[in-house]
Each structure stands twice: as structure tokens, then as C-alpha cells.
PDB file of N, CA and C in Angstrom:
ATOM      1  N   MET A   1       5.427  12.870  13.508  1.00  0.00           N
ATOM      2  CA  MET A   1       5.689  11.506  12.150  1.00  0.00           C
ATOM      3  C   MET A   1       5.714  11.413  11.477  1.00  0.00           C
ATOM      4  N   ALA A   2       6.327  10.569  10.315  1.00  0.00           N
ATOM      5  CA  ALA A   2       6.712  10.901   8.862  1.00  0.00           C
ATOM      6  C   ALA A   2       4.995  11.237   8.468  1.00  0.00           C
ATOM      7  N   ASP A   3       5.026  12.303   6.514  1.00  0.00           N
ATOM      8  CA  ASP A   3       4.188  11.604   5.789  1.00  0.00           C
ATOM      9  C   ASP A   3       4.547  10.212   5.540  1.00  0.00           C
ATOM     10  N   LEU A   4       3.251   9.551   5.212  1.00  0.00           N
ATOM     11  CA  LEU A   4       3.233   8.194   4.232  1.00  0.00           C
ATOM     12  C   LEU A   4       3.418   8.439   2.961  1.00  0.00           C
ATOM     13  N   ARG A   5       3.084   7.765   1.946  1.00  0.00           N
ATOM     14  CA  ARG A   5       2.812   8.153   0.596  1.00  0.00           C
ATOM     15  C   ARG A   5       2.040   6.251   0.386  1.00  0.00           C
ATOM     16  N   VAL A   6       1.208   7.068  -0.236  1.00  0.00           N
ATOM     17  CA  VAL A   6       0.703   5.320  -0.240  1.00  0.00           C
ATOM     18  C   VAL A   6      -0.827   6.576  -2.364  1.00  0.00           C
ATOM     19  N   THR A   7      -0.301   5.178  -2.409  1.00  0.00           N
ATOM     20  CA  THR A   7      -0.712   5.401  -3.447  1.00  0.00           C
ATOM     21  C   THR A   7      -2.281   4.044  -3.764  1.00  0.00           C
ATOM     22  N   TYR A   8      -3.094   3.976  -4.694  1.00  0.00           N
ATOM     23  CA  TYR A   8      -4.101   3.284  -4.247  1.00  0.00           C
ATOM     24  C   TYR A   8      -4.776   3.890  -6.422  1.00  0.00           C
ATOM     25  N   ASP A   9      -5.137   2.400  -6.851  1.00  0.00           N
ATOM     26  CA  ASP A   9      -5.800   1.967  -7.934  1.00  0.00           C
ATOM     27  C   ASP A   9      -7.469   1.461  -7.881  1.00  0.00           C
ATOM     28  N   LYS A  10      -8.323   2.300  -8.122  1.00  0.00           N
ATOM     29  CA  LYS A  10      -9.886   1.756  -8.027  1.00  0.00           C
ATOM     30  C   LYS A  10      -9.780   1.128  -8.659  1.00  0.00           C
ATOM     31  N   THR A  11      -8.959   1.018 -10.281  1.00  0.00           N
ATOM     32  CA  THR A  11      -9.589   0.076 -11.202  1.00  0.00           C
ATOM     33  C   THR A  11      -9.496  -1.266 -10.194  1.00  0.00           C
ATOM     34  N   ALA A  12      -8.426  -1.830  -9.322  1.00  0.00           N
ATOM     35  CA  ALA A  12      -7.923  -3.191  -8.847  1.00  0.00           C
ATOM     36  C   ALA A  12      -8.182  -3.005  -8.418  1.00  0.00           C
ATOM     37  N   ASN A  13      -8.889  -1.409  -7.265  1.00  0.00           N
ATOM     38  CA  ASN A  13      -9.174  -2.051  -5.982  1.00  0.00           C
ATOM     39  C   ASN A  13      -8.059  -2.151  -4.963  1.00  0.00           C
ATOM     40  N   ALA A  14      -6.405  -1.714  -5.237  1.00  0.00           N
ATOM     41  CA  ALA A  14      -5.311  -1.504  -4.222  1.00  0.00           C
ATOM     42  C   ALA A  14      -4.181   0.035  -3.691  1.00  0.00           C
ATOM     43  N   ALA A  15      -3.874  -0.897  -2.793  1.00  0.00           N
ATOM     44  CA  ALA A  15      -3.339   0.133  -2.602  1.00  0.00           C
ATOM     45  C   ALA A  15      -2.023  -0.209  -1.532  1.00  0.00           C
ATOM     46  N   TYR A  16      -0.959   0.951  -1.358  1.00  0.00           N
ATOM     47  CA  TYR A  16       0.279   0.529  -1.201  1.00  0.00           C
ATOM     48  C   TYR A  16       0.711   1.264  -0.472  1.00  0.00           C
ATOM     49  N   VAL A  17       0.911   1.353   0.530  1.00  0.00           N
ATOM     50  CA  VAL A  17       1.518   1.956   1.845  1.00  0.00           C
ATOM     51  C   VAL A  17       3.197   1.533   1.497  1.00  0.00           C
ATOM     52  N   TYR A  18       3.496   2.670   1.646  1.00  0.00           N
ATOM     53  CA  TYR A  18       5.350   2.703   1.831  1.00  0.00           C
ATOM     54  C   TYR A  18       5.674   3.317   3.306  1.00  0.00           C
ATOM     55  N   LEU A  19       6.720   2.609   3.195  1.00  0.00           N
ATOM     56  CA  LEU A  19       7.455   3.134   4.268  1.00  0.00           C
ATOM     57  C   LEU A  19       8.844   3.030   4.333  1.00  0.00           C
ATOM     58  N   THR A  20       9.653   3.629   3.168  1.00  0.00           N
ATOM     59  CA  THR A  20      10.290   3.746   3.110  1.00  0.00           C
ATOM     60  C   THR A  20      10.398   5.545   2.760  1.00  0.00           C
ATOM     61  N   ASP A  21      12.032   6.085   2.611  1.00  0.00           N
ATOM     62  CA  ASP A  21      12.021   7.829   1.255  1.00  0.00           C
ATOM     63  C   ASP A  21      11.225   7.167   0.489  1.00  0.00           C
ATOM     64  N   PRO A  22      10.352   7.738  -0.416  1.00  0.00           N
ATOM     65  CA  PRO A  22      10.107   8.129  -1.139  1.00  0.00           C
ATOM     66  C   PRO A  22      11.022   8.154  -2.546  1.00  0.00           C
ATOM     67  N   GLN A  23      12.323   8.762  -1.627  1.00  0.00           N
ATOM     68  CA  GLN A  23      13.227  10.031  -2.963  1.00  0.00           C
ATOM     69  C   GLN A  23      14.227   8.364  -3.545  1.00  0.00           C
ATOM     70  N   ILE A  24      14.258   6.867  -2.418  1.00  0.00           N
ATOM     71  CA  ILE A  24      15.206   6.292  -2.195  1.00  0.00           C
ATOM     72  C   ILE A  24      14.213   4.206  -3.047  1.00  0.00           C
ATOM     73  N   ARG A  25      14.477   3.831  -3.227  1.00  0.00           N
ATOM     74  CA  ARG A  25      13.754   2.733  -4.646  1.00  0.00           C
ATOM     75  C   ARG A  25      14.575   2.017  -3.421  1.00  0.00           C
ATOM     76  N   THR A  26      13.546   1.370  -3.038  1.00  0.00           N
ATOM     77  CA  THR A  26      13.509  -0.807  -1.486  1.00  0.00           C
ATOM     78  C   THR A  26      13.739  -1.345  -2.670  1.00  0.00           C
ATOM     79  N   ARG A  27      14.524  -2.184  -3.084  1.00  0.00           N
ATOM     80  CA  ARG A  27      13.722  -3.942  -3.455  1.00  0.00           C
ATOM     81  C   ARG A  27      12.910  -4.697  -1.949  1.00  0.00           C
ATOM     82  N   SER A  28      12.156  -4.648  -2.542  1.00  0.00           N
ATOM     83  CA  SER A  28      11.880  -6.237  -1.432  1.00  0.00           C
ATOM     84  C   SER A  28      12.418  -7.270  -1.869  1.00  0.00           C
ATOM     85  N   SER A  29      12.515  -7.986  -0.980  1.00  0.00           N
ATOM     86  CA  SER A  29      13.349  -8.872  -0.933  1.00  0.00           C
ATOM     87  C   SER A  29      12.551 -10.501  -0.766  1.00  0.00           C
ATOM     88  N   ARG A  30      11.377 -10.170   0.538  1.00  0.00           N
ATOM     89  CA  ARG A  30      10.422 -10.877   0.794  1.00  0.00           C
ATOM     90  C   ARG A  30       9.227 -10.654   0.907  1.00  0.00           C
ATOM     91  N   MET A  31       7.768 -11.842   0.870  1.00  0.00           N
ATOM     92  CA  MET A  31       6.717 -11.006   0.847  1.00  0.00           C
ATOM     93  C   MET A  31       6.209 -11.732   1.785  1.00  0.00           C
ATOM     94  N   TYR A  32       5.221 -10.892   3.462  1.00  0.00           N
ATOM     95  CA  TYR A  32       4.615 -11.789   4.228  1.00  0.00           C
ATOM     96  C   TYR A  32       2.718 -11.981   3.891  1.00  0.00           C
ATOM     97  N   PRO A  33       2.118 -12.548   3.529  1.00  0.00           N
ATOM     98  CA  PRO A  33       0.937 -12.605   3.201  1.00  0.00           C
ATOM     99  C   PRO A  33       0.460 -12.971   4.714  1.00  0.00           C
ATOM    100  N   CYS A  34      -0.532 -11.899   4.637  1.00  0.00           N
ATOM    101  CA  CYS A  34      -1.607 -12.077   5.815  1.00  0.00           C
ATOM    102  C   CYS A  34      -3.123 -12.831   5.967  1.00  0.00           C
ATOM    103  N   ASP A  35      -3.363 -13.472   6.595  1.00  0.00           N
ATOM    104  CA  ASP A  35      -4.341 -14.896   6.317  1.00  0.00           C
ATOM    105  C   ASP A  35      -5.408 -14.395   5.056  1.00  0.00           C
ATOM    106  N   PRO A  36      -6.054 -15.016   4.119  1.00  0.00           N
ATOM    107  CA  PRO A  36      -7.376 -13.617   3.475  1.00  0.00           C
ATOM    108  C   PRO A  36      -8.071 -14.158   5.245  1.00  0.00           C
ATOM    109  N   VAL A  37      -8.702 -15.295   5.426  1.00  0.00           N
ATOM    110  CA  VAL A  37      -9.994 -15.746   6.026  1.00  0.00           C
ATOM    111  C   VAL A  37      -9.764 -14.645   7.636  1.00  0.00           C
ATOM    112  N   GLU A  38      -8.723 -14.441   7.788  1.00  0.00           N
ATOM    113  CA  GLU A  38      -8.591 -14.116   9.769  1.00  0.00           C
ATOM    114  C   GLU A  38      -9.051 -12.392   9.085  1.00  0.00           C
ATOM    115  N   VAL A  39      -7.713 -11.823   8.097  1.00  0.00           N
ATOM    116  CA  VAL A  39      -8.445 -10.113   7.890  1.00  0.00           C
ATOM    117  C   VAL A  39      -9.595  -9.862   7.492  1.00  0.00           C
ATOM    118  N   GLY A  40     -10.456 -11.036   5.906  1.00  0.00           N
ATOM    119  CA  GLY A  40     -11.063 -10.918   4.720  1.00  0.00           C
ATOM    120  C   GLY A  40     -10.956  -9.714   4.099  1.00  0.00           C
ATOM    121  N   GLY A  41     -10.235 -11.081   3.465  1.00  0.00           N
ATOM    122  CA  GLY A  41      -8.841 -10.050   2.383  1.00  0.00           C
ATOM    123  C   GLY A  41      -7.820 -10.668   1.935  1.00  0.00           C
ATOM    124  N   MET A  42      -7.199  -9.746   1.161  1.00  0.00           N
ATOM    125  CA  MET A  42      -5.242  -9.526   0.981  1.00  0.00           C
ATOM    126  C   MET A  42      -4.661  -8.722   1.965  1.00  0.00           C
ATOM    127  N   ILE A  43      -3.693  -8.878   2.431  1.00  0.00           N
ATOM    128  CA  ILE A  43      -2.994  -7.770   2.936  1.00  0.00           C
ATOM    129  C   ILE A  43      -1.369  -8.293   3.190  1.00  0.00           C
ATOM    130  N   ASN A  44      -0.974  -7.961   1.778  1.00  0.00           N
ATOM    131  CA  ASN A  44       0.841  -8.013   1.741  1.00  0.00           C
ATOM    132  C   ASN A  44       1.629  -7.523   2.165  1.00  0.00           C
ATOM    133  N   LEU A  45       2.674  -7.829   3.504  1.00  0.00           N
ATOM    134  CA  LEU A  45       3.958  -7.532   4.023  1.00  0.00           C
ATOM    135  C   LEU A  45       4.881  -7.444   3.126  1.00  0.00           C
ATOM    136  N   ASP A  46       5.385  -6.206   2.925  1.00  0.00           N
ATOM    137  CA  ASP A  46       7.402  -6.384   2.217  1.00  0.00           C
ATOM    138  C   ASP A  46       8.335  -6.108   2.834  1.00  0.00           C
ATOM    139  N   PHE A  47       9.288  -7.065   2.787  1.00  0.00           N
ATOM    140  CA  PHE A  47      10.392  -6.445   3.849  1.00  0.00           C
ATOM    141  C   PHE A  47      11.918  -6.457   3.248  1.00  0.00           C
ATOM    142  N   ASP A  48      12.609  -5.977   3.558  1.00  0.00           N
ATOM    143  CA  ASP A  48      14.065  -5.707   2.673  1.00  0.00           C
ATOM    144  C   ASP A  48      15.003  -6.675   3.275  1.00  0.00           C
ATOM    145  N   GLU A  49      15.770  -6.664   2.628  1.00  0.00           N
ATOM    146  CA  GLU A  49      17.028  -7.794   2.734  1.00  0.00           C
ATOM    147  C   GLU A  49      17.902  -7.573   4.752  1.00  0.00           C
ATOM    148  N   GLN A  50      17.154  -6.294   4.960  1.00  0.00           N
ATOM    149  CA  GLN A  50      17.291  -6.509   6.286  1.00  0.00           C
ATOM    150  C   GLN A  50      16.717  -6.889   6.861  1.00  0.00           C
ATOM    151  N   GLY A  51      15.044  -7.587   7.108  1.00  0.00           N
ATOM    152  CA  GLY A  51      14.072  -7.647   7.428  1.00  0.00           C
ATOM    153  C   GLY A  51      13.344  -6.765   7.595  1.00  0.00           C
ATOM    154  N   ARG A  52      13.537  -5.313   7.125  1.00  0.00           N
ATOM    155  CA  ARG A  52      13.119  -4.107   7.882  1.00  0.00           C
ATOM    156  C   ARG A  52      11.607  -3.674   7.555  1.00  0.00           C
ATOM    157  N   LEU A  53      10.515  -4.333   7.189  1.00  0.00           N
ATOM    158  CA  LEU A  53       9.161  -3.799   6.516  1.00  0.00           C
ATOM    159  C   LEU A  53       9.166  -2.548   6.060  1.00  0.00           C
ATOM    160  N   ILE A  54       9.270  -2.388   4.449  1.00  0.00           N
ATOM    161  CA  ILE A  54       8.609  -1.262   3.639  1.00  0.00           C
ATOM    162  C   ILE A  54       7.562  -1.233   2.782  1.00  0.00           C
ATOM    163  N   GLY A  55       6.566  -1.668   3.587  1.00  0.00           N
ATOM    164  CA  GLY A  55       5.292  -1.050   2.846  1.00  0.00           C
ATOM    165  C   GLY A  55       4.519  -2.304   2.392  1.00  0.00           C
ATOM    166  N   ILE A  56       3.058  -1.457   2.185  1.00  0.00           N
ATOM    167  CA  ILE A  56       2.023  -3.003   2.707  1.00  0.00           C
ATOM    168  C   ILE A  56       1.099  -2.493   1.575  1.00  0.00           C
ATOM    169  N   GLU A  57       0.795  -3.985   0.769  1.00  0.00           N
ATOM    170  CA  GLU A  57       0.126  -3.430  -0.027  1.00  0.00           C
ATOM    171  C   GLU A  57      -1.254  -3.842   0.501  1.00  0.00           C
ATOM    172  N   VAL A  58      -2.945  -3.459   0.111  1.00  0.00           N
ATOM    173  CA  VAL A  58      -4.035  -4.001   0.705  1.00  0.00           C
ATOM    174  C   VAL A  58      -4.612  -4.035  -0.456  1.00  0.00           C
ATOM    175  N   LEU A  59      -5.557  -5.526  -0.454  1.00  0.00           N
ATOM    176  CA  LEU A  59      -6.377  -5.483  -1.354  1.00  0.00           C
ATOM    177  C   LEU A  59      -7.348  -4.946  -1.421  1.00  0.00           C
ATOM    178  N   ALA A  60      -8.930  -4.867  -2.402  1.00  0.00           N
ATOM    179  CA  ALA A  60     -10.113  -4.144  -1.509  1.00  0.00           C
ATOM    180  C   ALA A  60      -9.737  -3.578  -0.555  1.00  0.00           C
ATOM    181  N   ALA A  61      -9.018  -2.232  -1.340  1.00  0.00           N
ATOM    182  CA  ALA A  61      -8.840  -1.481  -0.422  1.00  0.00           C
ATOM    183  C   ALA A  61      -9.808  -0.415   0.291  1.00  0.00           C
ATOM    184  N   ASP A  62     -10.418  -0.381  -0.336  1.00  0.00           N
ATOM    185  CA  ASP A  62     -11.703   0.308   0.069  1.00  0.00           C
ATOM    186  C   ASP A  62     -13.296  -0.122   0.871  1.00  0.00           C
ATOM    187  N   SER A  63     -13.018  -1.090   1.328  1.00  0.00           N
ATOM    188  CA  SER A  63     -13.121  -1.967   2.556  1.00  0.00           C
ATOM    189  C   SER A  63     -12.333  -1.844   3.803  1.00  0.00           C
ATOM    190  N   LYS A  64     -10.372  -1.932   3.528  1.00  0.00           N
ATOM    191  CA  LYS A  64      -9.861  -2.280   4.675  1.00  0.00           C
ATOM    192  C   LYS A  64      -8.798  -0.797   5.117  1.00  0.00           C
ATOM    193  N   LEU A  65      -9.073   0.374   4.171  1.00  0.00           N
ATOM    194  CA  LEU A  65      -8.375   1.678   4.905  1.00  0.00           C
ATOM    195  C   LEU A  65      -9.758   2.624   4.308  1.00  0.00           C
ATOM    196  N   PRO A  66      -9.061   3.764   5.750  1.00  0.00           N
ATOM    197  CA  PRO A  66     -10.209   4.547   5.737  1.00  0.00           C
ATOM    198  C   PRO A  66     -10.283   5.842   4.633  1.00  0.00           C
ATOM    199  N   GLU A  67     -11.621   5.495   4.191  1.00  0.00           N
ATOM    200  CA  GLU A  67     -12.291   6.036   3.087  1.00  0.00           C
ATOM    201  C   GLU A  67     -10.485   8.092   2.918  1.00  0.00           C
ATOM    202  N   TYR A  68     -10.922   9.232   4.256  1.00  0.00           N
ATOM    203  CA  TYR A  68      -9.827  10.003   4.094  1.00  0.00           C
ATOM    204  C   TYR A  68      -8.311   9.593   3.454  1.00  0.00           C
ATOM    205  N   VAL A  69      -8.013   8.295   3.706  1.00  0.00           N
ATOM    206  CA  VAL A  69      -6.824   7.862   3.340  1.00  0.00           C
ATOM    207  C   VAL A  69      -6.732   7.515   1.621  1.00  0.00           C
ATOM    208  N   LEU A  70      -7.574   7.321   0.711  1.00  0.00           N
ATOM    209  CA  LEU A  70      -7.714   7.165  -0.005  1.00  0.00           C
ATOM    210  C   LEU A  70      -8.106   7.822  -0.949  1.00  0.00           C
ATOM    211  N   GLU A  71      -8.701   8.977  -0.128  1.00  0.00           N
ATOM    212  CA  GLU A  71      -8.414  10.105  -1.552  1.00  0.00           C
ATOM    213  C   GLU A  71      -7.954  11.133  -0.514  1.00  0.00           C
ATOM    214  N   SER A  72      -7.095  11.066   0.216  1.00  0.00           N
ATOM    215  CA  SER A  72      -4.910  11.711  -0.389  1.00  0.00           C
ATOM    216  C   SER A  72      -4.671  11.264  -1.018  1.00  0.00           C
ATOM    217  N   SER A  73      -4.922  10.119  -1.558  1.00  0.00           N
ATOM    218  CA  SER A  73      -3.019   9.454  -2.103  1.00  0.00           C
ATOM    219  C   SER A  73      -3.122   9.451  -3.656  1.00  0.00           C
ATOM    220  N   GLU A  74      -2.736   8.854  -3.868  1.00  0.00           N
ATOM    221  CA  GLU A  74      -2.353   9.063  -5.238  1.00  0.00           C
ATOM    222  C   GLU A  74      -2.395   8.067  -6.145  1.00  0.00           C
ATOM    223  N   ARG A  75      -3.638   8.782  -6.858  1.00  0.00           N
ATOM    224  CA  ARG A  75      -4.104   7.969  -7.506  1.00  0.00           C
ATOM    225  C   ARG A  75      -3.245   6.986  -8.784  1.00  0.00           C
ATOM    226  N   LEU A  76      -3.156   5.798  -8.735  1.00  0.00           N
ATOM    227  CA  LEU A  76      -2.569   4.998  -9.526  1.00  0.00           C
ATOM    228  C   LEU A  76      -3.648   4.902 -11.409  1.00  0.00           C
ATOM    229  N   ASP A  77      -4.777   5.077 -11.020  1.00  0.00           N
ATOM    230  CA  ASP A  77      -5.929   4.167 -11.996  1.00  0.00           C
ATOM    231  C   ASP A  77      -5.858   5.713 -13.415  1.00  0.00           C
ATOM    232  N   ALA A  78      -6.599   4.490 -14.628  1.00  0.00           N
ATOM    233  CA  ALA A  78      -6.552   5.738 -15.657  1.00  0.00           C
ATOM    234  C   ALA A  78      -7.714   7.731 -15.161  1.00  0.00           C
ATOM    235  N   GLY A  79      -8.782   6.973 -14.667  1.00  0.00           N
ATOM    236  CA  GLY A  79      -9.796   7.504 -14.201  1.00  0.00           C
ATOM    237  C   GLY A  79      -9.527   8.852 -12.717  1.00  0.00           C
ATOM    238  N   GLY A  80      -8.517   8.086 -12.451  1.00  0.00           N
ATOM    239  CA  GLY A  80      -7.915   8.886 -10.873  1.00  0.00           C
ATOM    240  C   GLY A  80      -7.304  10.152 -11.805  1.00  0.00           C
ATOM    241  N   ALA A  81      -6.659  11.432 -10.733  1.00  0.00           N
ATOM    242  CA  ALA A  81      -5.567  12.701 -10.639  1.00  0.00           C
ATOM    243  C   ALA A  81      -5.460  12.190 -10.056  1.00  0.00           C
ATOM    244  N   SER A  82      -3.922  12.218  -9.701  1.00  0.00           N
ATOM    245  CA  SER A  82      -2.887  11.890  -8.618  1.00  0.00           C
ATOM    246  C   SER A  82      -3.577  12.880  -8.391  1.00  0.00           C
ATOM    247  N   THR A  83      -2.857  12.490  -6.357  1.00  0.00           N
ATOM    248  CA  THR A  83      -3.453  13.655  -5.292  1.00  0.00           C
ATOM    249  C   THR A  83      -2.610  14.007  -4.727  1.00  0.00           C
ATOM    250  N   GLY A  84      -1.569  12.501  -4.684  1.00  0.00           N
ATOM    251  CA  GLY A  84       0.010  12.924  -3.921  1.00  0.00           C
ATOM    252  C   GLY A  84       0.885  13.621  -3.890  1.00  0.00           C
TER     253      GLY A  84
END
């Protein structure tokens, strides 16, 4: 399995899981929000123009993602050091 790039902003408590080559900037052409009631928060799936899943945005990330994922994520908030 390839390594995934995950960024995390603790201030916003939001994480993004990139499912594309980090060297290639892929634009999202459509976003599908998961039902916030069903998942207990907001999770958005981003798709490219060919309908391929390119990323997952997770709000309230500290309650949705395992702690080790957030600890090893690239930090985007001002108080966090980049660990990616």
C-alpha cells in the first residue's frame, strides 16, 4: 500500500486525506458530502473530472480519525510543527 499524505489543522480540527500523487496537483471537480447525522459530523469526498476519488476532508477530525493518524499528519496550524 502506498503511503498517504494526510494534513491536519488542529485549530480548525480538520484533516484531509490525499489519495493522489503529492507531486501532482489534482483539482476537485465535485464534492459529495456524507450525511452528517449518519456519521456524527461532516465528511466530504472529493472527486476529479473522471469520477475518481481524490481526497477525503474530515471535520471534527479528532473524533473521527485514529490518534496515530493525526499525530503523524503534516500539521497546518500555526502551533503545530510539520511532521509529514
